[in-house]
Amino acid sequence: MFKKSLATVAMSVMLAACNSDLPNATEEQLLKLFGDREEMGITLISSHMIECLDLISDDAVRFYVDFSDETTSDFTTTCYKWLHERIEQADQNPMGYTMAHLEDPELGLLLKQLREKQDKLITELREQERAEIAERRRAENEERDRHNIEELEQAKAETTPD
């Protein structure tokens, strides 16, 4: 499953690179530009970022159908401002993404797949961390048991008459 997901992400990165409308970017560059937070040392793309990209690309129309036009307009304006501030930071956007690029649904798809990949990495790290904690506790319990057995044997030896 993990290999299949990696292949999907790699394929989408290649497809995005082939799409002449989107600038070529590495995963690291995409995470630097669109990543919002970090967890367990891994940069993540937030659901808010994905929602904003979906909204400005009209890919999220179905999610906002129950909102008033004014509310949807407010969300859209907020997203445009937020995303515009991001791409204006030259140190984070050496690829030259523009608002027109951000409106491309392909970019949203690419970032969703990258987010899924990052989420899976975090899940694997959490599982590894849980396994390490469990192993450490097991070793501590074994050491405690060994120590208790030694103390019991010593106490038994001291109380038995020679």
N, C-alpha and C. Protein backbone atom coordinates (compact mmCIF):
# COMPACT_ATOMS: atom_id res chain seq x y z
N MET A 1 0.83 -1.19 0.00
CA MET A 1 0.00 0.00 0.00
C MET A 1 0.87 1.25 0.00
N PHE A 2 1.90 1.25 0.88
CA PHE A 2 2.78 2.41 0.96
C PHE A 2 3.53 2.62 -0.35
N LYS A 3 4.00 1.51 -0.96
CA LYS A 3 4.71 1.61 -2.23
C LYS A 3 3.79 2.14 -3.32
N LYS A 4 2.55 1.71 -3.28
CA LYS A 4 1.57 2.18 -4.26
C LYS A 4 1.35 3.68 -4.11
N SER A 5 1.26 4.15 -2.86
CA SER A 5 1.07 5.58 -2.61
C SER A 5 2.28 6.37 -3.07
N LEU A 6 3.48 5.84 -2.79
CA LEU A 6 4.69 6.53 -3.25
C LEU A 6 4.72 6.61 -4.77
N ALA A 7 4.31 5.53 -5.41
CA ALA A 7 4.29 5.53 -6.87
C ALA A 7 3.28 6.55 -7.38
N THR A 8 2.15 6.66 -6.71
CA THR A 8 1.13 7.64 -7.11
C THR A 8 1.66 9.05 -6.97
N VAL A 9 2.32 9.33 -5.84
CA VAL A 9 2.88 10.67 -5.63
C VAL A 9 3.97 10.94 -6.66
N ALA A 10 4.85 9.97 -6.89
CA ALA A 10 5.91 10.17 -7.87
C ALA A 10 5.33 10.42 -9.26
N MET A 11 4.30 9.67 -9.59
CA MET A 11 3.66 9.84 -10.89
C MET A 11 3.04 11.23 -11.00
N SER A 12 2.38 11.67 -9.94
CA SER A 12 1.75 12.99 -9.99
C SER A 12 2.78 14.09 -10.07
N VAL A 13 3.93 13.90 -9.39
CA VAL A 13 5.00 14.89 -9.49
C VAL A 13 5.50 14.95 -10.93
N MET A 14 5.65 13.79 -11.55
CA MET A 14 6.11 13.76 -12.94
C MET A 14 5.07 14.39 -13.86
N LEU A 15 3.80 14.10 -13.62
CA LEU A 15 2.75 14.69 -14.45
C LEU A 15 2.72 16.20 -14.29
N ALA A 16 2.89 16.66 -13.06
CA ALA A 16 2.89 18.10 -12.84
C ALA A 16 4.09 18.74 -13.53
N ALA A 17 5.20 18.03 -13.51
CA ALA A 17 6.38 18.56 -14.19
C ALA A 17 6.16 18.62 -15.70
N CYS A 18 5.39 17.67 -16.23
CA CYS A 18 5.11 17.67 -17.66
C CYS A 18 4.09 18.74 -18.03
N ASN A 19 3.27 19.14 -17.08
CA ASN A 19 2.28 20.17 -17.33
C ASN A 19 3.01 21.50 -17.41
N SER A 20 3.05 22.08 -18.60
CA SER A 20 3.83 23.29 -18.81
C SER A 20 3.26 24.48 -18.05
N ASP A 21 2.02 24.37 -17.57
CA ASP A 21 1.42 25.48 -16.85
C ASP A 21 1.97 25.62 -15.44
N LEU A 22 2.41 24.54 -14.84
CA LEU A 22 2.93 24.58 -13.48
C LEU A 22 4.45 24.58 -13.49
N PRO A 23 5.06 25.43 -12.66
CA PRO A 23 6.52 25.40 -12.57
C PRO A 23 7.00 24.07 -11.98
N ASN A 24 8.16 23.63 -12.42
CA ASN A 24 8.76 22.42 -11.84
C ASN A 24 9.16 22.73 -10.41
N ALA A 25 8.86 21.80 -9.52
CA ALA A 25 9.21 21.98 -8.11
C ALA A 25 9.44 20.62 -7.48
N THR A 26 10.41 20.57 -6.59
CA THR A 26 10.64 19.35 -5.83
C THR A 26 9.63 19.30 -4.69
N GLU A 27 9.51 18.12 -4.08
CA GLU A 27 8.63 18.00 -2.92
C GLU A 27 9.07 18.97 -1.83
N GLU A 28 10.38 19.07 -1.64
CA GLU A 28 10.91 19.96 -0.61
C GLU A 28 10.49 21.41 -0.88
N GLN A 29 10.57 21.84 -2.13
CA GLN A 29 10.17 23.20 -2.47
C GLN A 29 8.67 23.40 -2.26
N LEU A 30 7.88 22.42 -2.64
CA LEU A 30 6.43 22.51 -2.44
C LEU A 30 6.09 22.58 -0.95
N LEU A 31 6.77 21.78 -0.15
CA LEU A 31 6.53 21.80 1.29
C LEU A 31 6.97 23.13 1.90
N LYS A 32 8.05 23.68 1.40
CA LYS A 32 8.52 24.96 1.93
C LYS A 32 7.51 26.07 1.62
N LEU A 33 6.96 26.03 0.42
CA LEU A 33 6.02 27.07 0.01
C LEU A 33 4.63 26.86 0.61
N PHE A 34 4.15 25.64 0.61
CA PHE A 34 2.76 25.39 1.00
C PHE A 34 2.61 24.74 2.37
N GLY A 35 3.71 24.33 2.99
CA GLY A 35 3.63 23.72 4.32
C GLY A 35 3.27 24.76 5.37
N ASP A 36 2.41 24.36 6.28
CA ASP A 36 1.92 25.26 7.32
C ASP A 36 2.46 24.96 8.70
N ARG A 37 2.76 23.71 8.93
CA ARG A 37 3.12 23.31 10.28
C ARG A 37 4.07 22.12 10.21
N GLU A 38 4.60 21.78 11.36
CA GLU A 38 5.51 20.65 11.43
C GLU A 38 5.04 19.70 12.52
N GLU A 39 5.18 18.44 12.25
CA GLU A 39 4.85 17.42 13.24
C GLU A 39 5.89 16.32 13.15
N MET A 40 6.48 16.01 14.28
CA MET A 40 7.50 14.98 14.35
C MET A 40 8.63 15.24 13.36
N GLY A 41 8.95 16.52 13.16
CA GLY A 41 10.03 16.90 12.26
C GLY A 41 9.67 16.85 10.79
N ILE A 42 8.40 16.66 10.48
CA ILE A 42 7.96 16.58 9.08
C ILE A 42 7.05 17.77 8.78
N THR A 43 7.37 18.48 7.72
CA THR A 43 6.54 19.61 7.31
C THR A 43 5.26 19.09 6.69
N LEU A 44 4.15 19.70 7.09
CA LEU A 44 2.84 19.26 6.61
C LEU A 44 2.11 20.39 5.89
N ILE A 45 1.28 20.00 4.97
CA ILE A 45 0.38 20.92 4.29
C ILE A 45 -0.96 20.78 5.00
N SER A 46 -1.46 21.88 5.55
CA SER A 46 -2.68 21.82 6.35
C SER A 46 -3.92 21.63 5.49
N SER A 47 -4.98 21.19 6.15
CA SER A 47 -6.26 21.05 5.45
C SER A 47 -6.75 22.43 5.00
N HIS A 48 -6.41 23.46 5.78
CA HIS A 48 -6.79 24.83 5.40
C HIS A 48 -6.15 25.22 4.06
N MET A 49 -4.89 24.86 3.88
CA MET A 49 -4.20 25.16 2.63
C MET A 49 -4.90 24.44 1.47
N ILE A 50 -5.19 23.17 1.66
CA ILE A 50 -5.86 22.39 0.61
C ILE A 50 -7.23 22.99 0.30
N GLU A 51 -7.98 23.34 1.34
CA GLU A 51 -9.30 23.93 1.13
C GLU A 51 -9.21 25.25 0.36
N CYS A 52 -8.22 26.07 0.70
CA CYS A 52 -8.06 27.34 -0.01
C CYS A 52 -7.74 27.11 -1.48
N LEU A 53 -6.83 26.19 -1.75
CA LEU A 53 -6.49 25.90 -3.14
C LEU A 53 -7.69 25.33 -3.89
N ASP A 54 -8.45 24.47 -3.22
CA ASP A 54 -9.67 23.94 -3.84
C ASP A 54 -10.66 25.06 -4.13
N LEU A 55 -10.79 25.96 -3.17
CA LEU A 55 -11.77 27.04 -3.31
C LEU A 55 -11.43 27.97 -4.47
N ILE A 56 -10.16 28.37 -4.56
CA ILE A 56 -9.82 29.32 -5.63
C ILE A 56 -9.75 28.65 -7.00
N SER A 57 -9.63 27.31 -7.01
CA SER A 57 -9.62 26.60 -8.29
C SER A 57 -11.01 26.11 -8.67
N ASP A 58 -12.00 26.49 -7.88
CA ASP A 58 -13.39 26.07 -8.08
C ASP A 58 -13.57 24.57 -7.90
N ASP A 59 -12.59 23.91 -7.30
CA ASP A 59 -12.70 22.48 -7.07
C ASP A 59 -13.50 22.19 -5.80
N ALA A 60 -13.75 23.22 -4.99
CA ALA A 60 -14.44 23.03 -3.71
C ALA A 60 -15.84 23.58 -3.72
N VAL A 61 -16.35 23.92 -4.88
CA VAL A 61 -17.68 24.51 -4.96
C VAL A 61 -18.70 23.64 -4.23
N ARG A 62 -18.57 22.35 -4.37
CA ARG A 62 -19.54 21.44 -3.75
C ARG A 62 -19.53 21.55 -2.22
N PHE A 63 -18.39 21.95 -1.62
CA PHE A 63 -18.31 22.06 -0.17
C PHE A 63 -18.99 23.32 0.35
N TYR A 64 -19.06 24.33 -0.47
CA TYR A 64 -19.58 25.62 -0.03
C TYR A 64 -20.97 25.90 -0.56
N VAL A 65 -21.64 24.90 -1.08
CA VAL A 65 -22.96 25.08 -1.67
C VAL A 65 -23.99 25.55 -0.64
N ASP A 66 -23.82 25.16 0.62
CA ASP A 66 -24.77 25.54 1.66
C ASP A 66 -24.49 26.91 2.27
N PHE A 67 -23.35 27.51 1.92
CA PHE A 67 -23.02 28.83 2.46
C PHE A 67 -23.63 29.92 1.58
N SER A 68 -23.84 31.07 2.21
CA SER A 68 -24.34 32.21 1.43
C SER A 68 -23.24 32.69 0.49
N ASP A 69 -23.63 33.43 -0.53
CA ASP A 69 -22.65 33.98 -1.47
C ASP A 69 -21.67 34.88 -0.74
N GLU A 70 -22.16 35.61 0.24
CA GLU A 70 -21.29 36.52 0.99
C GLU A 70 -20.23 35.74 1.78
N THR A 71 -20.65 34.67 2.43
CA THR A 71 -19.71 33.84 3.19
C THR A 71 -18.68 33.21 2.27
N THR A 72 -19.13 32.66 1.17
CA THR A 72 -18.21 32.06 0.20
C THR A 72 -17.24 33.11 -0.33
N SER A 73 -17.74 34.29 -0.61
CA SER A 73 -16.90 35.38 -1.10
C SER A 73 -15.86 35.77 -0.05
N ASP A 74 -16.27 35.82 1.22
CA ASP A 74 -15.32 36.14 2.30
C ASP A 74 -14.23 35.08 2.40
N PHE A 75 -14.63 33.80 2.35
CA PHE A 75 -13.65 32.71 2.38
C PHE A 75 -12.67 32.84 1.21
N THR A 76 -13.21 33.08 0.04
CA THR A 76 -12.38 33.18 -1.16
C THR A 76 -11.40 34.34 -1.05
N THR A 77 -11.87 35.48 -0.60
CA THR A 77 -11.01 36.66 -0.45
C THR A 77 -9.90 36.38 0.55
N THR A 78 -10.26 35.78 1.67
CA THR A 78 -9.26 35.44 2.69
C THR A 78 -8.22 34.49 2.12
N CYS A 79 -8.67 33.50 1.38
CA CYS A 79 -7.73 32.54 0.78
C CYS A 79 -6.81 33.22 -0.23
N TYR A 80 -7.36 34.06 -1.08
CA TYR A 80 -6.53 34.77 -2.05
C TYR A 80 -5.46 35.59 -1.35
N LYS A 81 -5.84 36.32 -0.32
CA LYS A 81 -4.86 37.15 0.41
C LYS A 81 -3.78 36.28 1.03
N TRP A 82 -4.21 35.23 1.69
CA TRP A 82 -3.28 34.35 2.39
C TRP A 82 -2.30 33.71 1.41
N LEU A 83 -2.82 33.19 0.31
CA LEU A 83 -1.97 32.54 -0.69
C LEU A 83 -1.08 33.55 -1.40
N HIS A 84 -1.60 34.73 -1.66
CA HIS A 84 -0.80 35.76 -2.32
C HIS A 84 0.40 36.15 -1.46
N GLU A 85 0.18 36.28 -0.16
CA GLU A 85 1.28 36.59 0.76
C GLU A 85 2.35 35.51 0.68
N ARG A 86 1.94 34.28 0.56
CA ARG A 86 2.90 33.17 0.49
C ARG A 86 3.77 33.24 -0.76
N ILE A 87 3.12 33.40 -1.90
CA ILE A 87 3.90 33.34 -3.14
C ILE A 87 4.73 34.59 -3.35
N GLU A 88 4.43 35.66 -2.63
CA GLU A 88 5.22 36.88 -2.73
C GLU A 88 6.54 36.77 -1.99
N GLN A 89 6.70 35.77 -1.15
CA GLN A 89 7.95 35.58 -0.41
C GLN A 89 8.94 34.86 -1.33
N ALA A 90 9.83 35.64 -1.91
CA ALA A 90 10.74 35.11 -2.93
C ALA A 90 11.60 33.96 -2.41
N ASP A 91 12.00 34.01 -1.14
CA ASP A 91 12.85 32.95 -0.60
C ASP A 91 12.10 31.62 -0.50
N GLN A 92 10.78 31.67 -0.41
CA GLN A 92 9.99 30.44 -0.35
C GLN A 92 9.44 30.04 -1.72
N ASN A 93 9.52 30.94 -2.68
CA ASN A 93 8.91 30.69 -3.99
C ASN A 93 9.90 30.91 -5.13
N PRO A 94 11.04 30.23 -5.10
CA PRO A 94 12.00 30.40 -6.19
C PRO A 94 11.49 29.82 -7.52
N MET A 95 10.44 29.00 -7.45
CA MET A 95 9.89 28.38 -8.66
C MET A 95 9.05 29.38 -9.45
N GLY A 96 8.64 30.46 -8.79
CA GLY A 96 7.87 31.49 -9.48
C GLY A 96 6.38 31.20 -9.61
N TYR A 97 5.81 30.50 -8.63
CA TYR A 97 4.36 30.27 -8.67
C TYR A 97 3.63 31.61 -8.64
N THR A 98 2.57 31.69 -9.43
CA THR A 98 1.71 32.87 -9.47
C THR A 98 0.31 32.45 -9.01
N MET A 99 -0.57 33.42 -8.84
CA MET A 99 -1.94 33.10 -8.46
C MET A 99 -2.59 32.23 -9.54
N ALA A 100 -2.25 32.47 -10.79
CA ALA A 100 -2.82 31.64 -11.87
C ALA A 100 -2.43 30.18 -11.69
N HIS A 101 -1.19 29.93 -11.25
CA HIS A 101 -0.77 28.55 -10.99
C HIS A 101 -1.57 27.95 -9.84
N LEU A 102 -1.83 28.76 -8.82
CA LEU A 102 -2.54 28.26 -7.66
C LEU A 102 -4.00 27.94 -7.97
N GLU A 103 -4.52 28.54 -9.02
CA GLU A 103 -5.90 28.28 -9.43
C GLU A 103 -6.03 27.00 -10.25
N ASP A 104 -4.91 26.40 -10.60
CA ASP A 104 -4.91 25.16 -11.39
C ASP A 104 -5.26 23.98 -10.48
N PRO A 105 -6.35 23.26 -10.77
CA PRO A 105 -6.74 22.12 -9.93
C PRO A 105 -5.65 21.04 -9.83
N GLU A 106 -4.78 20.97 -10.83
CA GLU A 106 -3.69 19.98 -10.79
C GLU A 106 -2.76 20.22 -9.61
N LEU A 107 -2.53 21.49 -9.28
CA LEU A 107 -1.67 21.80 -8.14
C LEU A 107 -2.33 21.32 -6.85
N GLY A 108 -3.62 21.56 -6.73
CA GLY A 108 -4.34 21.08 -5.55
C GLY A 108 -4.25 19.57 -5.41
N LEU A 109 -4.40 18.86 -6.52
CA LEU A 109 -4.30 17.40 -6.50
C LEU A 109 -2.89 16.96 -6.09
N LEU A 110 -1.90 17.60 -6.67
CA LEU A 110 -0.51 17.29 -6.34
C LEU A 110 -0.24 17.49 -4.86
N LEU A 111 -0.73 18.60 -4.31
CA LEU A 111 -0.49 18.88 -2.89
C LEU A 111 -1.29 17.94 -1.98
N LYS A 112 -2.47 17.53 -2.41
CA LYS A 112 -3.24 16.54 -1.63
C LYS A 112 -2.46 15.23 -1.55
N GLN A 113 -1.90 14.82 -2.66
CA GLN A 113 -1.13 13.57 -2.68
C GLN A 113 0.14 13.70 -1.83
N LEU A 114 0.76 14.86 -1.89
CA LEU A 114 1.95 15.09 -1.07
C LEU A 114 1.57 15.08 0.41
N ARG A 115 0.44 15.67 0.73
CA ARG A 115 -0.03 15.67 2.12
C ARG A 115 -0.29 14.24 2.59
N GLU A 116 -0.92 13.43 1.76
CA GLU A 116 -1.17 12.03 2.11
C GLU A 116 0.15 11.30 2.38
N LYS A 117 1.14 11.57 1.56
CA LYS A 117 2.45 10.95 1.74
C LYS A 117 3.04 11.37 3.08
N GLN A 118 2.97 12.67 3.39
CA GLN A 118 3.52 13.17 4.65
C GLN A 118 2.75 12.58 5.84
N ASP A 119 1.43 12.48 5.71
CA ASP A 119 0.62 11.88 6.78
C ASP A 119 1.04 10.43 7.03
N LYS A 120 1.31 9.69 5.96
CA LYS A 120 1.74 8.30 6.11
C LYS A 120 3.11 8.22 6.78
N LEU A 121 4.00 9.14 6.44
CA LEU A 121 5.31 9.16 7.10
C LEU A 121 5.16 9.40 8.59
N ILE A 122 4.28 10.31 8.95
CA ILE A 122 4.05 10.60 10.36
C ILE A 122 3.45 9.39 11.06
N THR A 123 2.52 8.72 10.41
CA THR A 123 1.92 7.51 10.98
C THR A 123 3.00 6.46 11.22
N GLU A 124 3.89 6.29 10.26
CA GLU A 124 4.98 5.32 10.42
C GLU A 124 5.90 5.72 11.57
N LEU A 125 6.21 7.02 11.68
CA LEU A 125 7.06 7.48 12.77
C LEU A 125 6.39 7.26 14.12
N ARG A 126 5.09 7.51 14.19
CA ARG A 126 4.36 7.27 15.44
C ARG A 126 4.38 5.79 15.81
N GLU A 127 4.17 4.93 14.83
CA GLU A 127 4.20 3.49 15.09
C GLU A 127 5.58 3.06 15.55
N GLN A 128 6.61 3.60 14.92
CA GLN A 128 7.98 3.29 15.32
C GLN A 128 8.24 3.78 16.74
N GLU A 129 7.77 4.98 17.04
CA GLU A 129 7.95 5.53 18.38
C GLU A 129 7.22 4.67 19.42
N ARG A 130 5.99 4.25 19.11
CA ARG A 130 5.24 3.38 20.02
C ARG A 130 5.97 2.05 20.24
N ALA A 131 6.52 1.50 19.17
CA ALA A 131 7.26 0.23 19.29
C ALA A 131 8.51 0.41 20.15
N GLU A 132 9.19 1.54 19.98
CA GLU A 132 10.39 1.81 20.79
C GLU A 132 10.02 1.98 22.26
N ILE A 133 8.92 2.67 22.53
CA ILE A 133 8.46 2.84 23.91
C ILE A 133 8.09 1.50 24.52
N ALA A 134 7.36 0.68 23.75
CA ALA A 134 6.96 -0.64 24.24
C ALA A 134 8.19 -1.50 24.53
N GLU A 135 9.18 -1.46 23.67
CA GLU A 135 10.40 -2.23 23.87
C GLU A 135 11.15 -1.74 25.10
N ARG A 136 11.22 -0.42 25.26
CA ARG A 136 11.91 0.15 26.42
C ARG A 136 11.18 -0.27 27.71
N ARG A 137 9.86 -0.22 27.71
CA ARG A 137 9.10 -0.64 28.89
C ARG A 137 9.29 -2.12 29.18
N ARG A 138 9.31 -2.94 28.12
CA ARG A 138 9.53 -4.37 28.30
C ARG A 138 10.90 -4.62 28.94
N ALA A 139 11.92 -3.92 28.45
CA ALA A 139 13.27 -4.08 28.99
C ALA A 139 13.32 -3.60 30.44
N GLU A 140 12.65 -2.50 30.74
CA GLU A 140 12.62 -2.00 32.12
C GLU A 140 11.91 -2.99 33.03
N ASN A 141 10.81 -3.57 32.56
CA ASN A 141 10.08 -4.56 33.36
C ASN A 141 10.92 -5.81 33.60
N GLU A 142 11.63 -6.26 32.57
CA GLU A 142 12.51 -7.42 32.73
C GLU A 142 13.59 -7.12 33.75
N GLU A 143 14.17 -5.94 33.68
CA GLU A 143 15.22 -5.56 34.63
C GLU A 143 14.65 -5.48 36.04
N ARG A 144 13.47 -4.91 36.18
CA ARG A 144 12.82 -4.82 37.49
C ARG A 144 12.52 -6.22 38.03
N ASP A 145 12.01 -7.10 37.17
CA ASP A 145 11.73 -8.48 37.58
C ASP A 145 13.01 -9.18 38.01
N ARG A 146 14.08 -9.03 37.24
CA ARG A 146 15.36 -9.65 37.58
C ARG A 146 15.86 -9.14 38.92
N HIS A 147 15.75 -7.84 39.14
CA HIS A 147 16.19 -7.24 40.39
C HIS A 147 15.35 -7.77 41.56
N ASN A 148 14.03 -7.85 41.37
CA ASN A 148 13.14 -8.35 42.42
C ASN A 148 13.44 -9.80 42.76
N ILE A 149 13.70 -10.61 41.74
CA ILE A 149 14.04 -12.02 41.97
C ILE A 149 15.33 -12.12 42.77
N GLU A 150 16.32 -11.31 42.42
CA GLU A 150 17.59 -11.31 43.15
C GLU A 150 17.37 -10.92 44.61
N GLU A 151 16.56 -9.90 44.84
CA GLU A 151 16.29 -9.46 46.21
C GLU A 151 15.55 -10.55 46.99
N LEU A 152 14.58 -11.20 46.34
CA LEU A 152 13.86 -12.29 47.01
C LEU A 152 14.79 -13.45 47.35
N GLU A 153 15.66 -13.81 46.41
CA GLU A 153 16.61 -14.89 46.66
C GLU A 153 17.57 -14.52 47.78
N GLN A 154 17.99 -13.26 47.81
CA GLN A 154 18.91 -12.81 48.86
C GLN A 154 18.19 -12.82 50.21
N ALA A 155 16.96 -12.34 50.24
CA ALA A 155 16.20 -12.34 51.49
C ALA A 155 15.94 -13.76 51.96
N LYS A 156 15.65 -14.64 51.03
CA LYS A 156 15.42 -16.04 51.36
C LYS A 156 16.69 -16.67 51.92
N ALA A 157 17.83 -16.35 51.31
CA ALA A 157 19.10 -16.89 51.78
C ALA A 157 19.44 -16.37 53.17
N GLU A 158 19.09 -15.14 53.46
CA GLU A 158 19.39 -14.55 54.76
C GLU A 158 18.48 -15.11 55.85
N THR A 159 17.29 -15.53 55.49
CA THR A 159 16.34 -16.02 56.50
C THR A 159 16.42 -17.52 56.72
N THR A 160 17.03 -18.25 55.83
CA THR A 160 17.14 -19.70 56.02
C THR A 160 18.34 -19.99 56.91
N PRO A 161 18.12 -20.85 57.91
CA PRO A 161 19.24 -21.18 58.80
C PRO A 161 20.26 -22.07 58.09
N ASP A 162 21.50 -21.85 58.45
CA ASP A 162 22.59 -22.66 57.87
C ASP A 162 22.72 -23.97 58.54
